[in-house]
């Protein structure tokens, strides 16, 4: 069983701990638990794409960095549309990565 499945099962077993009284509030707690896991996965995915770009920049390999950046860019934008990161945060990160790639000789 993976860590995410364990966490999901632990939220399923909250029957005695949940403070909510309304059915809709209980459902919302379950939904929030599922979305927390999904959002963490999405965040980690974006971070791994960023790390690939940064590794290419550290190696001073401009073509590899540009290729990694092209792959990372849509993933970073997707995280904004999914609500995982804020728009300005991703814009700032993309801008800084692009400027670091430009500086490579």
PDB file of N, CA and C in Angstrom:
ATOM      1  N   UNK A   1       0.838  -1.177   0.000  1.00  0.00           N
ATOM      2  CA  UNK A   1       0.000   0.000   0.000  1.00  0.00           C
ATOM      3  C   UNK A   1       0.891   1.252   0.000  1.00  0.00           C
ATOM      4  N   UNK A   2       0.605   2.191  -0.893  1.00  0.00           N
ATOM      5  CA  UNK A   2       1.409   3.398  -0.974  1.00  0.00           C
ATOM      6  C   UNK A   2       1.032   4.369   0.139  1.00  0.00           C
ATOM      7  N   UNK A   3       1.839   5.387   0.271  1.00  0.00           N
ATOM      8  CA  UNK A   3       1.598   6.401   1.307  1.00  0.00           C
ATOM      9  C   UNK A   3       0.263   7.100   1.067  1.00  0.00           C
ATOM     10  N   UNK A   4      -0.029   7.390  -0.215  1.00  0.00           N
ATOM     11  CA  UNK A   4      -1.280   8.081  -0.535  1.00  0.00           C
ATOM     12  C   UNK A   4      -2.495   7.228  -0.197  1.00  0.00           C
ATOM     13  N   UNK A   5      -2.417   5.929  -0.471  1.00  0.00           N
ATOM     14  CA  UNK A   5      -3.533   5.041  -0.142  1.00  0.00           C
ATOM     15  C   UNK A   5      -3.719   4.941   1.365  1.00  0.00           C
ATOM     16  N   UNK A   6      -2.600   4.909   2.093  1.00  0.00           N
ATOM     17  CA  UNK A   6      -2.690   4.861   3.550  1.00  0.00           C
ATOM     18  C   UNK A   6      -3.367   6.119   4.085  1.00  0.00           C
ATOM     19  N   UNK A   7      -2.981   7.259   3.518  1.00  0.00           N
ATOM     20  CA  UNK A   7      -3.566   8.515   3.977  1.00  0.00           C
ATOM     21  C   UNK A   7      -5.056   8.566   3.664  1.00  0.00           C
ATOM     22  N   UNK A   8      -5.420   8.105   2.472  1.00  0.00           N
ATOM     23  CA  UNK A   8      -6.823   8.094   2.084  1.00  0.00           C
ATOM     24  C   UNK A   8      -7.618   7.176   3.002  1.00  0.00           C
ATOM     25  N   UNK A   9      -7.058   6.009   3.320  1.00  0.00           N
ATOM     26  CA  UNK A   9      -7.738   5.089   4.234  1.00  0.00           C
ATOM     27  C   UNK A   9      -7.859   5.686   5.626  1.00  0.00           C
ATOM     28  N   UNK A  10      -6.852   6.433   6.062  1.00  0.00           N
ATOM     29  CA  UNK A  10      -6.937   7.040   7.387  1.00  0.00           C
ATOM     30  C   UNK A  10      -8.052   8.080   7.439  1.00  0.00           C
ATOM     31  N   UNK A  11      -8.275   8.803   6.319  1.00  0.00           N
ATOM     32  CA  UNK A  11      -9.370   9.757   6.285  1.00  0.00           C
ATOM     33  C   UNK A  11     -10.715   9.035   6.260  1.00  0.00           C
ATOM     34  N   UNK A  12     -10.757   7.868   5.642  1.00  0.00           N
ATOM     35  CA  UNK A  12     -11.999   7.098   5.612  1.00  0.00           C
ATOM     36  C   UNK A  12     -12.368   6.609   7.010  1.00  0.00           C
ATOM     37  N   UNK A  13     -11.387   6.424   7.863  1.00  0.00           N
ATOM     38  CA  UNK A  13     -11.613   5.905   9.208  1.00  0.00           C
ATOM     39  C   UNK A  13     -11.786   7.011  10.252  1.00  0.00           C
ATOM     40  N   UNK A  14     -12.176   8.190   9.817  1.00  0.00           N
ATOM     41  CA  UNK A  14     -12.335   9.313  10.741  1.00  0.00           C
ATOM     42  C   UNK A  14     -13.722   9.391  11.365  1.00  0.00           C
ATOM     43  N   UNK A  15     -14.533   8.370  11.239  1.00  0.00           N
ATOM     44  CA  UNK A  15     -15.936   8.436  11.656  1.00  0.00           C
ATOM     45  C   UNK A  15     -16.109   8.915  13.095  1.00  0.00           C
ATOM     46  N   UNK A  16     -15.257   8.461  13.994  1.00  0.00           N
ATOM     47  CA  UNK A  16     -15.383   8.880  15.381  1.00  0.00           C
ATOM     48  C   UNK A  16     -14.744  10.231  15.670  1.00  0.00           C
ATOM     49  N   UNK A  17     -13.936  10.744  14.739  1.00  0.00           N
ATOM     50  CA  UNK A  17     -13.170  11.961  14.993  1.00  0.00           C
ATOM     51  C   UNK A  17     -13.791  13.188  14.334  1.00  0.00           C
ATOM     52  N   UNK A  18     -14.513  13.000  13.237  1.00  0.00           N
ATOM     53  CA  UNK A  18     -15.068  14.128  12.483  1.00  0.00           C
ATOM     54  C   UNK A  18     -16.033  14.920  13.363  1.00  0.00           C
ATOM     55  N   UNK A  19     -15.825  16.239  13.380  1.00  0.00           N
ATOM     56  CA  UNK A  19     -16.653  17.116  14.195  1.00  0.00           C
ATOM     57  C   UNK A  19     -17.946  17.526  13.479  1.00  0.00           C
ATOM     58  N   UNK A  20     -17.970  17.402  12.164  1.00  0.00           N
ATOM     59  CA  UNK A  20     -19.118  17.880  11.394  1.00  0.00           C
ATOM     60  C   UNK A  20     -20.368  17.067  11.703  1.00  0.00           C
ATOM     61  N   UNK A  21     -21.508  17.756  11.672  1.00  0.00           N
ATOM     62  CA  UNK A  21     -22.792  17.100  11.922  1.00  0.00           C
ATOM     63  C   UNK A  21     -23.598  16.907  10.651  1.00  0.00           C
ATOM     64  N   UNK A  22     -23.473  17.826   9.714  1.00  0.00           N
ATOM     65  CA  UNK A  22     -24.252  17.755   8.480  1.00  0.00           C
ATOM     66  C   UNK A  22     -23.610  16.787   7.495  1.00  0.00           C
ATOM     67  N   UNK A  23     -24.453  16.149   6.727  1.00  0.00           N
ATOM     68  CA  UNK A  23     -23.980  15.192   5.733  1.00  0.00           C
ATOM     69  C   UNK A  23     -23.074  15.889   4.725  1.00  0.00           C
ATOM     70  N   UNK A  24     -23.468  17.090   4.311  1.00  0.00           N
ATOM     71  CA  UNK A  24     -22.684  17.824   3.310  1.00  0.00           C
ATOM     72  C   UNK A  24     -21.312  18.206   3.858  1.00  0.00           C
ATOM     73  N   UNK A  25     -21.248  18.538   5.136  1.00  0.00           N
ATOM     74  CA  UNK A  25     -19.958  18.893   5.749  1.00  0.00           C
ATOM     75  C   UNK A  25     -19.049  17.675   5.858  1.00  0.00           C
ATOM     76  N   UNK A  26     -19.631  16.532   6.183  1.00  0.00           N
ATOM     77  CA  UNK A  26     -18.852  15.290   6.253  1.00  0.00           C
ATOM     78  C   UNK A  26     -18.318  14.919   4.871  1.00  0.00           C
ATOM     79  N   UNK A  27     -19.177  15.099   3.870  1.00  0.00           N
ATOM     80  CA  UNK A  27     -18.780  14.807   2.496  1.00  0.00           C
ATOM     81  C   UNK A  27     -17.649  15.745   2.069  1.00  0.00           C
ATOM     82  N   UNK A  28     -17.753  16.997   2.479  1.00  0.00           N
ATOM     83  CA  UNK A  28     -16.727  17.987   2.132  1.00  0.00           C
ATOM     84  C   UNK A  28     -15.381  17.611   2.764  1.00  0.00           C
ATOM     85  N   UNK A  29     -15.401  17.086   3.977  1.00  0.00           N
ATOM     86  CA  UNK A  29     -14.172  16.656   4.643  1.00  0.00           C
ATOM     87  C   UNK A  29     -13.530  15.518   3.864  1.00  0.00           C
ATOM     88  N   UNK A  30     -14.344  14.561   3.408  1.00  0.00           N
ATOM     89  CA  UNK A  30     -13.809  13.451   2.613  1.00  0.00           C
ATOM     90  C   UNK A  30     -13.231  13.948   1.292  1.00  0.00           C
ATOM     91  N   UNK A  31     -13.943  14.869   0.666  1.00  0.00           N
ATOM     92  CA  UNK A  31     -13.500  15.430  -0.613  1.00  0.00           C
ATOM     93  C   UNK A  31     -12.196  16.199  -0.448  1.00  0.00           C
ATOM     94  N   UNK A  32     -12.112  16.996   0.618  1.00  0.00           N
ATOM     95  CA  UNK A  32     -10.896  17.760   0.876  1.00  0.00           C
ATOM     96  C   UNK A  32      -9.701  16.840   1.087  1.00  0.00           C
ATOM     97  N   UNK A  33      -9.941  15.715   1.746  1.00  0.00           N
ATOM     98  CA  UNK A  33      -8.866  14.750   1.978  1.00  0.00           C
ATOM     99  C   UNK A  33      -8.355  14.183   0.656  1.00  0.00           C
ATOM    100  N   UNK A  34      -9.284  13.864  -0.249  1.00  0.00           N
ATOM    101  CA  UNK A  34      -8.877  13.339  -1.556  1.00  0.00           C
ATOM    102  C   UNK A  34      -8.130  14.400  -2.359  1.00  0.00           C
ATOM    103  N   UNK A  35      -8.643  15.628  -2.345  1.00  0.00           N
ATOM    104  CA  UNK A  35      -8.027  16.688  -3.134  1.00  0.00           C
ATOM    105  C   UNK A  35      -6.664  17.091  -2.579  1.00  0.00           C
ATOM    106  N   UNK A  36      -6.481  16.961  -1.284  1.00  0.00           N
ATOM    107  CA  UNK A  36      -5.176  17.242  -0.681  1.00  0.00           C
ATOM    108  C   UNK A  36      -4.119  16.319  -1.269  1.00  0.00           C
ATOM    109  N   UNK A  37      -4.466  15.061  -1.403  1.00  0.00           N
ATOM    110  CA  UNK A  37      -3.532  14.080  -1.968  1.00  0.00           C
ATOM    111  C   UNK A  37      -3.246  14.399  -3.434  1.00  0.00           C
ATOM    112  N   UNK A  38      -4.290  14.699  -4.196  1.00  0.00           N
ATOM    113  CA  UNK A  38      -4.130  15.004  -5.620  1.00  0.00           C
ATOM    114  C   UNK A  38      -3.269  16.245  -5.805  1.00  0.00           C
ATOM    115  N   UNK A  39      -3.520  17.273  -4.997  1.00  0.00           N
ATOM    116  CA  UNK A  39      -2.758  18.516  -5.122  1.00  0.00           C
ATOM    117  C   UNK A  39      -1.294  18.322  -4.750  1.00  0.00           C
ATOM    118  N   UNK A  40      -1.022  17.480  -3.759  1.00  0.00           N
ATOM    119  CA  UNK A  40       0.372  17.201  -3.405  1.00  0.00           C
ATOM    120  C   UNK A  40       1.089  16.509  -4.551  1.00  0.00           C
ATOM    121  N   UNK A  41       0.391  15.589  -5.205  1.00  0.00           N
ATOM    122  CA  UNK A  41       0.973  14.905  -6.357  1.00  0.00           C
ATOM    123  C   UNK A  41       1.272  15.903  -7.465  1.00  0.00           C
ATOM    124  N   UNK A  42       0.334  16.808  -7.710  1.00  0.00           N
ATOM    125  CA  UNK A  42       0.527  17.817  -8.759  1.00  0.00           C
ATOM    126  C   UNK A  42       1.698  18.739  -8.431  1.00  0.00           C
ATOM    127  N   UNK A  43       1.796  19.158  -7.168  1.00  0.00           N
ATOM    128  CA  UNK A  43       2.907  20.020  -6.750  1.00  0.00           C
ATOM    129  C   UNK A  43       4.247  19.330  -6.950  1.00  0.00           C
ATOM    130  N   UNK A  44       4.321  18.073  -6.531  1.00  0.00           N
ATOM    131  CA  UNK A  44       5.569  17.328  -6.674  1.00  0.00           C
ATOM    132  C   UNK A  44       5.933  17.151  -8.144  1.00  0.00           C
ATOM    133  N   UNK A  45       4.942  16.951  -8.972  1.00  0.00           N
ATOM    134  CA  UNK A  45       5.189  16.800 -10.415  1.00  0.00           C
ATOM    135  C   UNK A  45       5.798  18.075 -10.998  1.00  0.00           C
ATOM    136  N   UNK A  46       5.240  19.209 -10.648  1.00  0.00           N
ATOM    137  CA  UNK A  46       5.756  20.490 -11.142  1.00  0.00           C
ATOM    138  C   UNK A  46       7.167  20.718 -10.616  1.00  0.00           C
ATOM    139  N   UNK A  47       7.387  20.431  -9.349  1.00  0.00           N
ATOM    140  CA  UNK A  47       8.719  20.617  -8.762  1.00  0.00           C
ATOM    141  C   UNK A  47       9.761  19.754  -9.453  1.00  0.00           C
ATOM    142  N   UNK A  48       9.384  18.543  -9.820  1.00  0.00           N
ATOM    143  CA  UNK A  48      10.341  17.665 -10.501  1.00  0.00           C
ATOM    144  C   UNK A  48      10.683  18.202 -11.886  1.00  0.00           C
ATOM    145  N   UNK A  49       9.704  18.783 -12.586  1.00  0.00           N
ATOM    146  CA  UNK A  49       9.982  19.392 -13.883  1.00  0.00           C
ATOM    147  C   UNK A  49      10.922  20.587 -13.724  1.00  0.00           C
ATOM    148  N   UNK A  50      10.698  21.382 -12.696  1.00  0.00           N
ATOM    149  CA  UNK A  50      11.555  22.538 -12.443  1.00  0.00           C
ATOM    150  C   UNK A  50      12.980  22.078 -12.128  1.00  0.00           C
ATOM    151  N   UNK A  51      13.102  21.016 -11.340  1.00  0.00           N
ATOM    152  CA  UNK A  51      14.427  20.492 -10.999  1.00  0.00           C
ATOM    153  C   UNK A  51      15.181  20.031 -12.234  1.00  0.00           C
ATOM    154  N   UNK A  52      14.476  19.439 -13.190  1.00  0.00           N
ATOM    155  CA  UNK A  52      15.131  19.001 -14.423  1.00  0.00           C
ATOM    156  C   UNK A  52      15.708  20.195 -15.177  1.00  0.00           C
ATOM    157  N   UNK A  53      14.953  21.281 -15.216  1.00  0.00           N
ATOM    158  CA  UNK A  53      15.439  22.497 -15.882  1.00  0.00           C
ATOM    159  C   UNK A  53      16.650  23.046 -15.133  1.00  0.00           C
ATOM    160  N   UNK A  54      16.564  23.094 -13.813  1.00  0.00           N
ATOM    161  CA  UNK A  54      17.660  23.640 -13.017  1.00  0.00           C
ATOM    162  C   UNK A  54      18.924  22.791 -13.133  1.00  0.00           C
ATOM    163  N   UNK A  55      18.779  21.478 -13.210  1.00  0.00           N
ATOM    164  CA  UNK A  55      19.943  20.609 -13.402  1.00  0.00           C
ATOM    165  C   UNK A  55      20.616  20.881 -14.743  1.00  0.00           C
ATOM    166  N   UNK A  56      19.809  21.083 -15.774  1.00  0.00           N
ATOM    167  CA  UNK A  56      20.365  21.393 -17.096  1.00  0.00           C
ATOM    168  C   UNK A  56      21.076  22.743 -17.074  1.00  0.00           C
ATOM    169  N   UNK A  57      20.541  23.702 -16.315  1.00  0.00           N
ATOM    170  CA  UNK A  57      21.177  25.020 -16.199  1.00  0.00           C
ATOM    171  C   UNK A  57      22.510  24.892 -15.463  1.00  0.00           C
ATOM    172  N   UNK A  58      22.537  24.093 -14.406  1.00  0.00           N
ATOM    173  CA  UNK A  58      23.781  23.893 -13.658  1.00  0.00           C
ATOM    174  C   UNK A  58      24.856  23.237 -14.518  1.00  0.00           C
ATOM    175  N   UNK A  59      24.448  22.344 -15.423  1.00  0.00           N
ATOM    176  CA  UNK A  59      25.397  21.697 -16.325  1.00  0.00           C
ATOM    177  C   UNK A  59      25.855  22.637 -17.431  1.00  0.00           C
ATOM    178  N   UNK A  60      25.218  23.798 -17.529  1.00  0.00           N
ATOM    179  CA  UNK A  60      25.504  24.807 -18.557  1.00  0.00           C
ATOM    180  C   UNK A  60      25.237  24.256 -19.962  1.00  0.00           C
ATOM    181  N   UNK A  61      24.242  23.418 -20.086  1.00  0.00           N
ATOM    182  CA  UNK A  61      23.841  22.849 -21.369  1.00  0.00           C
ATOM    183  C   UNK A  61      22.579  23.576 -21.837  1.00  0.00           C
ATOM    184  N   UNK A  62      22.782  24.563 -22.711  1.00  0.00           N
ATOM    185  CA  UNK A  62      21.675  25.426 -23.101  1.00  0.00           C
ATOM    186  C   UNK A  62      20.579  24.669 -23.855  1.00  0.00           C
ATOM    187  N   UNK A  63      20.961  23.792 -24.780  1.00  0.00           N
ATOM    188  CA  UNK A  63      19.953  23.080 -25.569  1.00  0.00           C
ATOM    189  C   UNK A  63      19.127  22.140 -24.680  1.00  0.00           C
ATOM    190  N   UNK A  64      19.794  21.461 -23.751  1.00  0.00           N
ATOM    191  CA  UNK A  64      19.081  20.577 -22.818  1.00  0.00           C
ATOM    192  C   UNK A  64      18.161  21.384 -21.899  1.00  0.00           C
ATOM    193  N   UNK A  65      18.648  22.543 -21.465  1.00  0.00           N
ATOM    194  CA  UNK A  65      17.844  23.407 -20.595  1.00  0.00           C
ATOM    195  C   UNK A  65      16.610  23.927 -21.327  1.00  0.00           C
ATOM    196  N   UNK A  66      16.788  24.319 -22.579  1.00  0.00           N
ATOM    197  CA  UNK A  66      15.655  24.817 -23.358  1.00  0.00           C
ATOM    198  C   UNK A  66      14.628  23.708 -23.605  1.00  0.00           C
ATOM    199  N   UNK A  67      15.117  22.520 -23.878  1.00  0.00           N
ATOM    200  CA  UNK A  67      14.213  21.383 -24.105  1.00  0.00           C
ATOM    201  C   UNK A  67      13.434  21.053 -22.830  1.00  0.00           C
ATOM    202  N   UNK A  68      14.132  21.042 -21.700  1.00  0.00           N
ATOM    203  CA  UNK A  68      13.473  20.765 -20.419  1.00  0.00           C
ATOM    204  C   UNK A  68      12.474  21.873 -20.079  1.00  0.00           C
ATOM    205  N   UNK A  69      12.818  23.102 -20.416  1.00  0.00           N
ATOM    206  CA  UNK A  69      11.944  24.251 -20.155  1.00  0.00           C
ATOM    207  C   UNK A  69      10.673  24.153 -21.002  1.00  0.00           C
ATOM    208  N   UNK A  70      10.821  23.726 -22.266  1.00  0.00           N
ATOM    209  CA  UNK A  70       9.654  23.574 -23.141  1.00  0.00           C
ATOM    210  C   UNK A  70       8.689  22.524 -22.603  1.00  0.00           C
ATOM    211  N   UNK A  71       9.253  21.489 -21.994  1.00  0.00           N
ATOM    212  CA  UNK A  71       8.409  20.437 -21.424  1.00  0.00           C
ATOM    213  C   UNK A  71       7.785  20.895 -20.110  1.00  0.00           C
ATOM    214  N   UNK A  72       8.534  21.657 -19.313  1.00  0.00           N
ATOM    215  CA  UNK A  72       8.075  22.088 -17.992  1.00  0.00           C
ATOM    216  C   UNK A  72       7.024  23.192 -18.067  1.00  0.00           C
ATOM    217  N   UNK A  73       7.147  24.047 -19.060  1.00  0.00           N
ATOM    218  CA  UNK A  73       6.281  25.226 -19.141  1.00  0.00           C
ATOM    219  C   UNK A  73       4.782  24.887 -19.155  1.00  0.00           C
ATOM    220  N   UNK A  74       4.312  23.992 -20.032  1.00  0.00           N
ATOM    221  CA  UNK A  74       2.864  23.695 -20.000  1.00  0.00           C
ATOM    222  C   UNK A  74       2.421  23.048 -18.695  1.00  0.00           C
ATOM    223  N   UNK A  75       3.303  22.254 -18.114  1.00  0.00           N
ATOM    224  CA  UNK A  75       2.968  21.610 -16.842  1.00  0.00           C
ATOM    225  C   UNK A  75       2.809  22.654 -15.736  1.00  0.00           C
ATOM    226  N   UNK A  76       3.657  23.659 -15.765  1.00  0.00           N
ATOM    227  CA  UNK A  76       3.581  24.730 -14.771  1.00  0.00           C
ATOM    228  C   UNK A  76       2.315  25.557 -14.965  1.00  0.00           C
ATOM    229  N   UNK A  77       1.967  25.832 -16.211  1.00  0.00           N
ATOM    230  CA  UNK A  77       0.726  26.569 -16.485  1.00  0.00           C
ATOM    231  C   UNK A  77      -0.499  25.752 -16.079  1.00  0.00           C
ATOM    232  N   UNK A  78      -0.432  24.448 -16.296  1.00  0.00           N
ATOM    233  CA  UNK A  78      -1.551  23.570 -15.932  1.00  0.00           C
ATOM    234  C   UNK A  78      -1.791  23.587 -14.425  1.00  0.00           C
ATOM    235  N   UNK A  79      -0.697  23.675 -13.659  1.00  0.00           N
ATOM    236  CA  UNK A  79      -0.852  23.710 -12.202  1.00  0.00           C
ATOM    237  C   UNK A  79      -1.588  24.971 -11.756  1.00  0.00           C
ATOM    238  N   UNK A  80      -1.433  26.048 -12.529  1.00  0.00           N
ATOM    239  CA  UNK A  80      -2.155  27.287 -12.209  1.00  0.00           C
ATOM    240  C   UNK A  80      -3.639  27.106 -12.495  1.00  0.00           C
ATOM    241  N   UNK A  81      -3.965  26.513 -13.636  1.00  0.00           N
ATOM    242  CA  UNK A  81      -5.381  26.343 -13.982  1.00  0.00           C
ATOM    243  C   UNK A  81      -6.068  25.373 -13.034  1.00  0.00           C
ATOM    244  N   UNK A  82      -5.310  24.419 -12.489  1.00  0.00           N
ATOM    245  CA  UNK A  82      -5.876  23.476 -11.527  1.00  0.00           C
ATOM    246  C   UNK A  82      -5.954  24.069 -10.124  1.00  0.00           C
ATOM    247  N   UNK A  83      -5.353  25.240  -9.917  1.00  0.00           N
ATOM    248  CA  UNK A  83      -5.447  25.909  -8.627  1.00  0.00           C
ATOM    249  C   UNK A  83      -4.422  25.456  -7.606  1.00  0.00           C
ATOM    250  N   UNK A  84      -3.369  24.797  -8.076  1.00  0.00           N
ATOM    251  CA  UNK A  84      -2.350  24.313  -7.146  1.00  0.00           C
ATOM    252  C   UNK A  84      -1.399  25.444  -6.774  1.00  0.00           C
ATOM    253  N   UNK A  85      -0.997  26.235  -7.769  1.00  0.00           N
ATOM    254  CA  UNK A  85      -0.126  27.391  -7.551  1.00  0.00           C
ATOM    255  C   UNK A  85      -0.854  28.645  -8.011  1.00  0.00           C
ATOM    256  N   UNK A  86      -0.432  29.780  -7.485  1.00  0.00           N
ATOM    257  CA  UNK A  86      -1.008  31.048  -7.935  1.00  0.00           C
ATOM    258  C   UNK A  86      -0.342  31.483  -9.233  1.00  0.00           C
ATOM    259  N   UNK A  87      -1.072  32.278  -9.985  1.00  0.00           N
ATOM    260  CA  UNK A  87      -0.637  32.711 -11.309  1.00  0.00           C
ATOM    261  C   UNK A  87       0.689  33.467 -11.256  1.00  0.00           C
ATOM    262  N   UNK A  88       0.793  34.411 -10.341  1.00  0.00           N
ATOM    263  CA  UNK A  88       2.004  35.221 -10.263  1.00  0.00           C
ATOM    264  C   UNK A  88       3.212  34.407  -9.830  1.00  0.00           C
ATOM    265  N   UNK A  89       2.996  33.414  -8.997  1.00  0.00           N
ATOM    266  CA  UNK A  89       4.092  32.555  -8.545  1.00  0.00           C
ATOM    267  C   UNK A  89       4.693  31.819  -9.733  1.00  0.00           C
ATOM    268  N   UNK A  90       3.844  31.229 -10.557  1.00  0.00           N
ATOM    269  CA  UNK A  90       4.341  30.488 -11.714  1.00  0.00           C
ATOM    270  C   UNK A  90       4.951  31.427 -12.743  1.00  0.00           C
ATOM    271  N   UNK A  91       4.360  32.599 -12.918  1.00  0.00           N
ATOM    272  CA  UNK A  91       4.924  33.574 -13.850  1.00  0.00           C
ATOM    273  C   UNK A  91       6.328  33.970 -13.415  1.00  0.00           C
ATOM    274  N   UNK A  92       6.493  34.192 -12.125  1.00  0.00           N
ATOM    275  CA  UNK A  92       7.804  34.566 -11.585  1.00  0.00           C
ATOM    276  C   UNK A  92       8.818  33.443 -11.791  1.00  0.00           C
ATOM    277  N   UNK A  93       8.407  32.211 -11.493  1.00  0.00           N
ATOM    278  CA  UNK A  93       9.312  31.071 -11.643  1.00  0.00           C
ATOM    279  C   UNK A  93       9.703  30.862 -13.109  1.00  0.00           C
ATOM    280  N   UNK A  94       8.727  30.960 -13.998  1.00  0.00           N
ATOM    281  CA  UNK A  94       9.008  30.802 -15.427  1.00  0.00           C
ATOM    282  C   UNK A  94       9.952  31.895 -15.924  1.00  0.00           C
ATOM    283  N   UNK A  95       9.697  33.113 -15.493  1.00  0.00           N
ATOM    284  CA  UNK A  95      10.527  34.239 -15.911  1.00  0.00           C
ATOM    285  C   UNK A  95      11.968  34.067 -15.437  1.00  0.00           C
ATOM    286  N   UNK A  96      12.140  33.659 -14.196  1.00  0.00           N
ATOM    287  CA  UNK A  96      13.492  33.490 -13.650  1.00  0.00           C
ATOM    288  C   UNK A  96      14.225  32.332 -14.315  1.00  0.00           C
ATOM    289  N   UNK A  97      13.502  31.251 -14.599  1.00  0.00           N
ATOM    290  CA  UNK A  97      14.134  30.131 -15.301  1.00  0.00           C
ATOM    291  C   UNK A  97      14.549  30.543 -16.707  1.00  0.00           C
ATOM    292  N   UNK A  98      13.672  31.276 -17.399  1.00  0.00           N
ATOM    293  CA  UNK A  98      13.971  31.712 -18.763  1.00  0.00           C
ATOM    294  C   UNK A  98      15.187  32.634 -18.795  1.00  0.00           C
ATOM    295  N   UNK A  99      15.268  33.542 -17.819  1.00  0.00           N
ATOM    296  CA  UNK A  99      16.409  34.457 -17.787  1.00  0.00           C
ATOM    297  C   UNK A  99      17.706  33.719 -17.463  1.00  0.00           C
ATOM    298  N   UNK A 100      17.624  32.692 -16.602  1.00  0.00           N
ATOM    299  CA  UNK A 100      18.809  31.898 -16.296  1.00  0.00           C
ATOM    300  C   UNK A 100      19.260  31.098 -17.513  1.00  0.00           C
ATOM    301  N   UNK A 101      18.326  30.629 -18.312  1.00  0.00           N
ATOM    302  CA  UNK A 101      18.676  29.899 -19.546  1.00  0.00           C
ATOM    303  C   UNK A 101      19.330  30.838 -20.542  1.00  0.00           C
ATOM    304  N   UNK A 102      18.817  32.078 -20.636  1.00  0.00           N
ATOM    305  CA  UNK A 102      19.390  33.057 -21.559  1.00  0.00           C
ATOM    306  C   UNK A 102      20.839  33.383 -21.218  1.00  0.00           C
ATOM    307  N   UNK A 103      21.170  33.387 -19.929  1.00  0.00           N
ATOM    308  CA  UNK A 103      22.516  33.743 -19.491  1.00  0.00           C
ATOM    309  C   UNK A 103      23.566  32.696 -19.838  1.00  0.00           C
ATOM    310  N   UNK A 104      23.109  31.456 -20.123  1.00  0.00           N
ATOM    311  CA  UNK A 104      24.066  30.400 -20.474  1.00  0.00           C
ATOM    312  C   UNK A 104      24.719  30.751 -21.800  1.00  0.00           C
ATOM    313  N   UNK A 105      26.029  30.715 -21.847  1.00  0.00           N
ATOM    314  CA  UNK A 105      26.773  31.116 -23.049  1.00  0.00           C
ATOM    315  C   UNK A 105      26.584  30.160 -24.211  1.00  0.00           C
TER     316      UNK A 105
END
